[in-house]
Amino acid sequence: MISSARSADDRLMAATVTLPRHVVHRPFPTETVILNLETGKYHGVNPTGGRMLAVLLERREVRAAAEALAGEFERPLGEIAADVCAFCRELAARGLIDLSQLEARG
């Protein structure tokens, strides 16, 4: 089970992140609000989640975002990568981000 989770994270690390047209976000001091205009639902993420989202959208590549955040938070890349991957899965499941592969892997 652990190796399949790692494999899923490896694939996710090779993905790019985009914000769908129907999603808007705005940072506030205590949270970032993400609104899905199609559903009318908004989601609040804490300042750490807001920073993760900002870096993901800035860097576009999940791997590049995780590397930048690991340096910023002064934490091991493996730890931050796992957190970023979990965050991406949660946002994607709610239709708040789109994930696409950088390249086809055979």
Protein backbone atom coordinates (compact mmCIF):
# COMPACT_ATOMS: atom_id res chain seq x y z
CA MET A 1 0.00 0.00 0.00
CA ILE A 2 2.80 2.44 0.82
CA SER A 3 4.55 1.90 -2.51
CA SER A 4 1.34 2.64 -4.45
CA ALA A 5 0.89 5.85 -2.43
CA ARG A 6 4.46 6.84 -3.25
CA SER A 7 3.86 6.04 -6.91
CA ALA A 8 0.73 8.22 -6.91
CA ASP A 9 2.70 11.04 -5.27
CA ASP A 10 5.50 10.64 -7.84
CA ARG A 11 2.95 11.02 -10.65
CA LEU A 12 1.36 13.98 -8.94
CA MET A 13 4.74 15.66 -8.46
CA ALA A 14 5.10 15.58 -12.26
CA ALA A 15 1.81 17.41 -12.78
CA THR A 16 1.02 21.04 -13.46
CA VAL A 17 -1.62 23.02 -11.61
CA THR A 18 -4.09 25.46 -13.13
CA LEU A 19 -7.11 27.21 -11.73
CA PRO A 20 -10.33 26.45 -13.61
CA ARG A 21 -12.19 29.45 -15.02
CA HIS A 22 -15.03 28.86 -12.59
CA VAL A 23 -12.80 29.24 -9.52
CA VAL A 24 -11.64 32.44 -7.86
CA HIS A 25 -9.60 32.92 -4.73
CA ARG A 26 -8.64 35.70 -2.41
CA PRO A 27 -6.15 35.73 0.45
CA PHE A 28 -7.06 37.29 3.79
CA PRO A 29 -4.85 37.55 6.87
CA THR A 30 -6.35 34.49 8.59
CA GLU A 31 -7.42 32.39 5.60
CA THR A 32 -7.61 32.17 1.83
CA VAL A 33 -11.10 31.83 0.43
CA ILE A 34 -11.56 29.73 -2.71
CA LEU A 35 -14.92 30.04 -4.44
CA ASN A 36 -16.32 27.62 -7.00
CA LEU A 37 -18.65 29.83 -9.06
CA GLU A 38 -20.37 26.79 -10.61
CA THR A 39 -21.48 25.34 -7.29
CA GLY A 40 -21.60 28.53 -5.24
CA LYS A 41 -19.55 26.81 -2.55
CA TYR A 42 -16.61 28.51 -0.93
CA HIS A 43 -13.77 26.85 0.86
CA GLY A 44 -11.46 28.42 3.42
CA VAL A 45 -7.88 27.29 3.86
CA ASN A 46 -5.55 28.35 6.65
CA PRO A 47 -2.56 30.63 5.97
CA THR A 48 -0.30 27.65 5.24
CA GLY A 49 -2.80 26.28 2.71
CA GLY A 50 -3.13 29.74 1.22
CA ARG A 51 0.62 29.97 0.80
CA MET A 52 0.70 26.50 -0.75
CA LEU A 53 -1.99 27.51 -3.25
CA ALA A 54 -0.18 30.75 -4.12
CA VAL A 55 3.11 28.94 -4.77
CA LEU A 56 1.38 26.18 -6.76
CA LEU A 57 -0.26 28.77 -9.01
CA GLU A 58 2.95 30.78 -9.30
CA ARG A 59 5.26 27.85 -10.05
CA ARG A 60 2.64 25.76 -11.92
CA GLU A 61 4.60 22.52 -11.46
CA VAL A 62 3.83 20.58 -8.29
CA ARG A 63 7.48 19.52 -7.91
CA ALA A 64 8.75 23.10 -8.29
CA ALA A 65 6.19 24.35 -5.77
CA ALA A 66 7.13 21.65 -3.25
CA GLU A 67 10.82 22.48 -3.62
CA ALA A 68 10.16 26.20 -3.12
CA LEU A 69 7.94 25.56 -0.09
CA ALA A 70 10.47 23.18 1.48
CA GLY A 71 13.06 25.95 1.31
CA GLU A 72 10.64 28.59 2.57
CA PHE A 73 9.40 26.50 5.51
CA GLU A 74 12.86 24.99 6.13
CA ARG A 75 11.43 21.47 6.17
CA PRO A 76 12.58 18.29 4.35
CA LEU A 77 11.40 18.06 0.75
CA GLY A 78 9.82 14.63 1.34
CA GLU A 79 7.65 15.99 4.14
CA ILE A 80 6.53 19.06 2.18
CA ALA A 81 6.00 17.05 -1.01
CA ALA A 82 3.63 14.69 0.82
CA ASP A 83 1.70 17.65 2.23
CA VAL A 84 1.52 19.41 -1.15
CA CYS A 85 0.34 16.22 -2.87
CA ALA A 86 -2.39 15.69 -0.27
CA PHE A 87 -3.45 19.33 -0.62
CA CYS A 88 -3.59 19.03 -4.42
CA ARG A 89 -5.69 15.87 -4.22
CA GLU A 90 -8.16 17.57 -1.87
CA LEU A 91 -8.48 20.68 -4.06
CA ALA A 92 -8.80 18.63 -7.25
CA ALA A 93 -11.49 16.43 -5.68
CA ARG A 94 -13.52 19.58 -5.00
CA GLY A 95 -13.00 20.92 -8.54
CA LEU A 96 -10.89 23.82 -7.28
CA ILE A 97 -7.76 23.07 -9.31
CA ASP A 98 -6.98 21.17 -12.48
CA LEU A 99 -3.99 18.83 -12.59
CA SER A 100 -2.35 17.75 -15.82
CA GLN A 101 0.72 15.68 -16.56
CA LEU A 102 3.80 17.44 -17.89
CA GLU A 103 4.68 14.56 -20.16
CA ALA A 104 3.48 11.09 -20.98
CA ARG A 105 5.42 8.44 -19.12
CA GLY A 106 5.70 4.97 -20.52
